[in-house]
Amino acid sequence: MDPSQFVTIMTLNLRFGLANDGLNGWSFRKPALAELLSRFPLDFLCLQEVNDFQAKDVSAMLSGFRCIGLRSPAPRFWQNNLIYYHSRWSCDFEDHFFLSPTPDIPSRFRESRWPRQCTWGRFGIGGCFIRLVTTHFDFDEAVQKKMAQVLLKRLSGISEPGPTVITGDFNAIPGSSPFRLLTTDDGGWQVGLSRFESVFTQPFPGTHHRYQGQSDGRHIDWILFKGDLRICGKGIISRRIGGRFLSDHFPLWVKFTFA
């Protein structure tokens, strides 16, 4: 099979670099991420919670990759949701919006602690196309459901064929209302909109570990997909790299083939 018919995607909440994390601060974790990316071949790296200086560091690690989602100049404390894609792929559309009542202007739901965002693009290679999303939800379940509705509404306007993959830190577990809204017909807010499948299923691996290496048991980072894709590999990277954890979240990856 033509290698262009396979696509490997990794998602990671990078943990923002301005956090006061002591020996787990970005300057200590950066070499570990560089080592992983040099050893793990990817088509796409989907990141959440990225400060602008971290984005520059990651760009330097990924020779031959391009990026969408970077806001420049970045406001102070700004955290990006970024998609890095290998230059073998072309990007013919990109979009950035806020998970709020007014998605096209910087804003948030009243119940949301932070202005949460979403970045997505349409990518092609060898006649195959995929839409890829990276996002980061807030903490309260009620507002998480509203954010899922905003995301689905934005994606429902797409008329072009092709599969869609959603990645991100959702701060919610399978069975929660935003997970049900994205993966079932729960709520029926828009009849006829096809639902997503989760790459990971029971028993869902925990993805948040607070730099301890031992998950707290919550699967809050998801990879969801729909369309003509078939999973041919998946995993969670829970080990230290170069003596360090990459983040307080574990990265997840999946390898698809176009069906």
Protein backbone atom coordinates (compact mmCIF):
# COMPACT_ATOMS: atom_id res chain seq x y z
CA MET A 1 0.00 0.00 0.00
CA ASP A 2 1.21 3.52 -0.81
CA PRO A 3 2.64 5.07 2.41
CA SER A 4 0.72 8.24 1.62
CA GLN A 5 -2.44 6.33 2.50
CA PHE A 6 -1.35 6.13 6.15
CA VAL A 7 -1.49 8.99 8.62
CA THR A 8 0.05 9.10 12.12
CA ILE A 9 -1.25 11.68 14.60
CA MET A 10 -0.08 12.53 18.12
CA THR A 11 -1.86 14.78 20.59
CA LEU A 12 -0.43 16.32 23.77
CA ASN A 13 -1.32 19.01 26.27
CA LEU A 14 2.19 20.45 26.42
CA ARG A 15 1.64 22.26 29.76
CA PHE A 16 2.15 25.99 29.33
CA GLY A 17 5.72 27.13 29.69
CA LEU A 18 5.01 30.02 32.07
CA ALA A 19 3.83 27.64 34.80
CA ASN A 20 5.95 27.55 37.93
CA ASP A 21 6.74 23.83 37.71
CA GLY A 22 10.24 23.79 39.22
CA LEU A 23 12.27 20.87 37.86
CA ASN A 24 9.35 20.04 35.56
CA GLY A 25 9.50 23.46 33.93
CA TRP A 26 9.70 23.81 30.18
CA SER A 27 13.48 24.30 30.04
CA PHE A 28 13.92 20.86 31.64
CA ARG A 29 11.24 19.12 29.55
CA LYS A 30 12.22 20.57 26.19
CA PRO A 31 15.11 18.14 25.50
CA ALA A 32 12.82 15.19 26.23
CA LEU A 33 10.29 16.34 23.66
CA ALA A 34 13.06 16.88 21.11
CA GLU A 35 14.28 13.31 21.71
CA LEU A 36 10.80 11.85 21.31
CA LEU A 37 10.09 13.74 18.10
CA SER A 38 13.40 12.67 16.62
CA ARG A 39 12.53 9.01 17.27
CA PHE A 40 8.78 8.94 16.58
CA PRO A 41 7.77 9.52 12.93
CA LEU A 42 4.65 11.66 12.66
CA ASP A 43 2.46 13.26 10.05
CA PHE A 44 0.74 15.53 12.55
CA LEU A 45 1.45 16.79 16.06
CA CYS A 46 -1.56 18.37 17.77
CA LEU A 47 -0.69 20.48 20.81
CA GLN A 48 -2.68 22.33 23.42
CA GLU A 49 -1.63 24.89 26.02
CA VAL A 50 1.42 26.20 24.15
CA ASN A 51 3.05 29.54 24.90
CA ASP A 52 4.62 31.39 21.98
CA PHE A 53 8.21 30.64 23.03
CA GLN A 54 7.36 26.95 23.30
CA ALA A 55 5.94 27.08 19.78
CA LYS A 56 9.26 28.45 18.52
CA ASP A 57 11.12 25.66 20.30
CA VAL A 58 8.87 22.96 18.87
CA SER A 59 9.19 24.43 15.38
CA ALA A 60 12.97 24.16 15.69
CA MET A 61 12.61 20.49 16.64
CA LEU A 62 10.44 19.62 13.65
CA SER A 63 12.49 20.20 10.54
CA GLY A 64 10.31 19.82 7.47
CA PHE A 65 7.09 20.62 9.34
CA ARG A 66 4.72 23.56 9.06
CA CYS A 67 2.28 24.89 11.62
CA ILE A 68 -1.22 26.32 11.83
CA GLY A 69 -2.88 28.03 14.79
CA LEU A 70 -0.05 30.30 15.93
CA ARG A 71 -1.29 33.73 16.94
CA SER A 72 1.32 36.39 16.24
CA PRO A 73 2.06 38.60 18.00
CA ALA A 74 0.87 36.51 20.93
CA PRO A 75 -0.77 38.36 23.86
CA ARG A 76 0.89 37.89 27.24
CA PHE A 77 0.06 34.49 28.77
CA TRP A 78 -1.55 33.41 25.47
CA GLN A 79 -1.82 29.68 25.06
CA ASN A 80 -2.07 28.26 21.55
CA ASN A 81 -3.68 25.13 20.17
CA LEU A 82 -1.35 24.19 17.31
CA ILE A 83 -1.18 21.63 14.54
CA TYR A 84 2.23 20.81 13.11
CA TYR A 85 2.07 18.95 9.81
CA HIS A 86 4.76 17.39 7.70
CA SER A 87 5.53 19.30 4.52
CA ARG A 88 4.56 16.23 2.49
CA TRP A 89 1.02 17.31 3.27
CA SER A 90 -0.63 20.40 1.86
CA CYS A 91 -3.01 22.57 3.87
CA ASP A 92 -5.73 24.16 1.75
CA PHE A 93 -7.84 25.57 4.60
CA GLU A 94 -7.27 26.60 8.22
CA ASP A 95 -9.51 28.10 10.86
CA HIS A 96 -9.20 29.34 14.43
CA PHE A 97 -12.19 30.16 16.63
CA PHE A 98 -13.26 30.52 20.23
CA LEU A 99 -15.51 28.10 22.08
CA SER A 100 -17.94 30.80 23.08
CA PRO A 101 -21.20 32.46 22.00
CA THR A 102 -19.14 34.64 19.59
CA PRO A 103 -16.57 32.24 18.09
CA ASP A 104 -14.99 34.71 15.67
CA ILE A 105 -13.89 37.25 18.28
CA PRO A 106 -11.74 36.64 21.39
CA SER A 107 -14.30 35.67 24.03
CA ARG A 108 -15.48 33.02 26.46
CA PHE A 109 -18.62 31.62 28.00
CA ARG A 110 -19.47 33.31 31.28
CA GLU A 111 -18.92 30.02 33.12
CA SER A 112 -15.54 29.39 31.49
CA ARG A 113 -12.40 30.18 33.47
CA TRP A 114 -10.35 30.87 30.32
CA PRO A 115 -11.10 31.87 26.71
CA ARG A 116 -10.99 28.39 25.18
CA GLN A 117 -10.10 27.95 21.52
CA CYS A 118 -10.03 25.54 18.63
CA THR A 119 -7.71 25.26 15.61
CA TRP A 120 -8.39 23.07 12.61
CA GLY A 121 -7.34 22.59 9.02
CA ARG A 122 -7.91 20.50 5.90
CA PHE A 123 -4.88 18.59 4.70
CA GLY A 124 -4.19 16.55 1.59
CA ILE A 125 -1.67 14.06 0.25
CA GLY A 126 -1.77 11.80 -2.80
CA GLY A 127 -5.43 12.47 -3.44
CA CYS A 128 -6.44 11.72 0.19
CA PHE A 129 -7.83 14.46 2.44
CA ILE A 130 -8.37 14.75 6.17
CA ARG A 131 -9.72 17.45 8.49
CA LEU A 132 -7.84 17.67 11.77
CA VAL A 133 -8.94 19.54 14.89
CA THR A 134 -7.11 20.40 18.11
CA THR A 135 -8.96 21.96 21.03
CA HIS A 136 -8.97 22.47 24.79
CA PHE A 137 -12.17 22.56 26.87
CA ASP A 138 -12.73 24.29 30.19
CA PHE A 139 -13.49 22.50 33.49
CA ASP A 140 -17.22 22.70 34.22
CA GLU A 141 -19.27 19.96 32.56
CA ALA A 142 -22.16 22.23 31.67
CA VAL A 143 -19.89 24.64 29.79
CA GLN A 144 -18.00 21.71 28.25
CA LYS A 145 -21.26 20.62 26.63
CA LYS A 146 -21.78 24.13 25.25
CA MET A 147 -18.25 24.04 23.83
CA ALA A 148 -18.94 20.69 22.17
CA GLN A 149 -22.04 22.23 20.58
CA VAL A 150 -20.01 25.18 19.24
CA LEU A 151 -17.44 22.77 17.82
CA LEU A 152 -20.05 20.56 16.17
CA LYS A 153 -21.88 23.55 14.72
CA ARG A 154 -18.66 24.83 13.17
CA LEU A 155 -17.82 21.45 11.67
CA SER A 156 -21.39 20.85 10.47
CA GLY A 157 -20.95 23.60 7.87
CA ILE A 158 -18.39 21.53 5.95
CA SER A 159 -19.62 20.28 2.60
CA GLU A 160 -16.40 18.73 1.24
CA PRO A 161 -16.03 14.97 1.60
CA GLY A 162 -13.35 13.37 3.73
CA PRO A 163 -12.78 12.10 7.27
CA THR A 164 -12.44 14.27 10.37
CA VAL A 165 -10.29 13.73 13.47
CA ILE A 166 -10.72 15.70 16.71
CA THR A 167 -7.90 15.77 19.25
CA GLY A 168 -7.49 17.64 22.49
CA ASP A 169 -7.64 18.01 26.22
CA PHE A 170 -11.33 17.97 27.09
CA ASN A 171 -11.00 17.99 30.90
CA ALA A 172 -13.81 15.43 30.85
CA ILE A 173 -14.03 11.66 30.87
CA PRO A 174 -15.90 9.21 28.62
CA GLY A 175 -19.52 9.13 29.72
CA SER A 176 -19.58 12.86 30.40
CA SER A 177 -22.11 15.03 28.56
CA PRO A 178 -19.59 16.49 26.04
CA PHE A 179 -18.30 13.00 25.22
CA ARG A 180 -21.86 11.72 24.71
CA LEU A 181 -22.74 14.72 22.56
CA LEU A 182 -19.77 14.11 20.27
CA THR A 183 -20.01 10.32 20.11
CA THR A 184 -23.74 9.49 20.39
CA ASP A 185 -27.12 10.98 19.55
CA ASP A 186 -27.52 12.14 23.14
CA GLY A 187 -29.43 15.41 23.24
CA GLY A 188 -30.25 15.32 19.52
CA TRP A 189 -29.33 18.99 19.14
CA GLN A 190 -28.80 18.59 15.41
CA VAL A 191 -30.58 15.70 13.77
CA GLY A 192 -28.67 13.98 11.00
CA LEU A 193 -25.16 15.06 12.02
CA SER A 194 -23.01 11.94 12.10
CA ARG A 195 -21.22 11.22 15.34
CA PHE A 196 -17.59 10.50 16.12
CA GLU A 197 -15.95 7.32 17.37
CA SER A 198 -13.28 7.25 20.06
CA VAL A 199 -9.91 5.76 19.10
CA PHE A 200 -9.55 4.51 22.68
CA THR A 201 -12.23 2.32 24.23
CA GLN A 202 -12.83 0.45 27.49
CA PRO A 203 -10.71 0.27 29.54
CA PHE A 204 -9.86 3.88 28.74
CA PRO A 205 -6.24 4.72 29.64
CA GLY A 206 -5.68 7.54 32.09
CA THR A 207 -3.94 10.51 30.48
CA HIS A 208 -3.34 12.99 33.32
CA HIS A 209 -0.58 12.26 35.85
CA ARG A 210 0.71 15.53 37.40
CA TYR A 211 4.33 14.61 36.51
CA GLN A 212 4.06 11.53 38.70
CA GLY A 213 4.04 8.97 35.88
CA GLN A 214 1.10 7.27 37.57
CA SER A 215 -2.17 8.29 35.97
CA ASP A 216 -5.00 9.59 38.13
CA GLY A 217 -7.21 7.24 36.08
CA ARG A 218 -9.02 9.92 34.08
CA HIS A 219 -9.09 9.68 30.29
CA ILE A 220 -9.44 13.42 29.61
CA ASP A 221 -7.38 13.63 26.40
CA TRP A 222 -9.26 12.17 23.45
CA ILE A 223 -8.81 11.28 19.81
CA LEU A 224 -12.16 11.06 18.02
CA PHE A 225 -12.77 10.33 14.36
CA LYS A 226 -15.40 9.75 11.71
CA GLY A 227 -15.29 8.97 8.01
CA ASP A 228 -13.28 6.57 5.89
CA LEU A 229 -10.46 5.79 8.31
CA ARG A 230 -9.34 2.51 9.82
CA ILE A 231 -7.18 2.28 12.95
CA CYS A 232 -4.00 0.26 12.38
CA GLY A 233 -2.12 1.28 15.55
CA LYS A 234 -2.58 3.37 18.68
CA GLY A 235 -0.87 3.98 21.99
CA ILE A 236 -0.13 6.14 24.99
CA ILE A 237 3.43 7.18 25.87
CA SER A 238 3.61 6.92 29.65
CA ARG A 239 7.36 6.50 30.14
CA ARG A 240 10.02 9.07 30.84
CA ILE A 241 12.07 10.27 27.87
CA GLY A 242 15.62 11.29 28.71
CA GLY A 243 14.72 11.07 32.39
CA ARG A 244 11.78 13.49 32.07
CA PHE A 245 8.06 13.40 31.49
CA LEU A 246 7.03 15.49 28.50
CA SER A 247 4.13 17.10 30.36
CA ASP A 248 1.69 16.50 33.19
CA HIS A 249 -0.38 14.74 30.49
CA PHE A 250 0.64 11.64 28.56
CA PRO A 251 0.73 11.96 24.76
CA LEU A 252 -1.62 9.78 22.72
CA TRP A 253 -1.03 8.62 19.16
CA VAL A 254 -2.94 6.81 16.45
CA LYS A 255 -2.05 5.49 13.02
CA PHE A 256 -4.87 5.40 10.48
CA THR A 257 -5.14 4.07 6.99
CA PHE A 258 -7.60 5.58 4.55
CA ALA A 259 -10.36 3.03 4.04
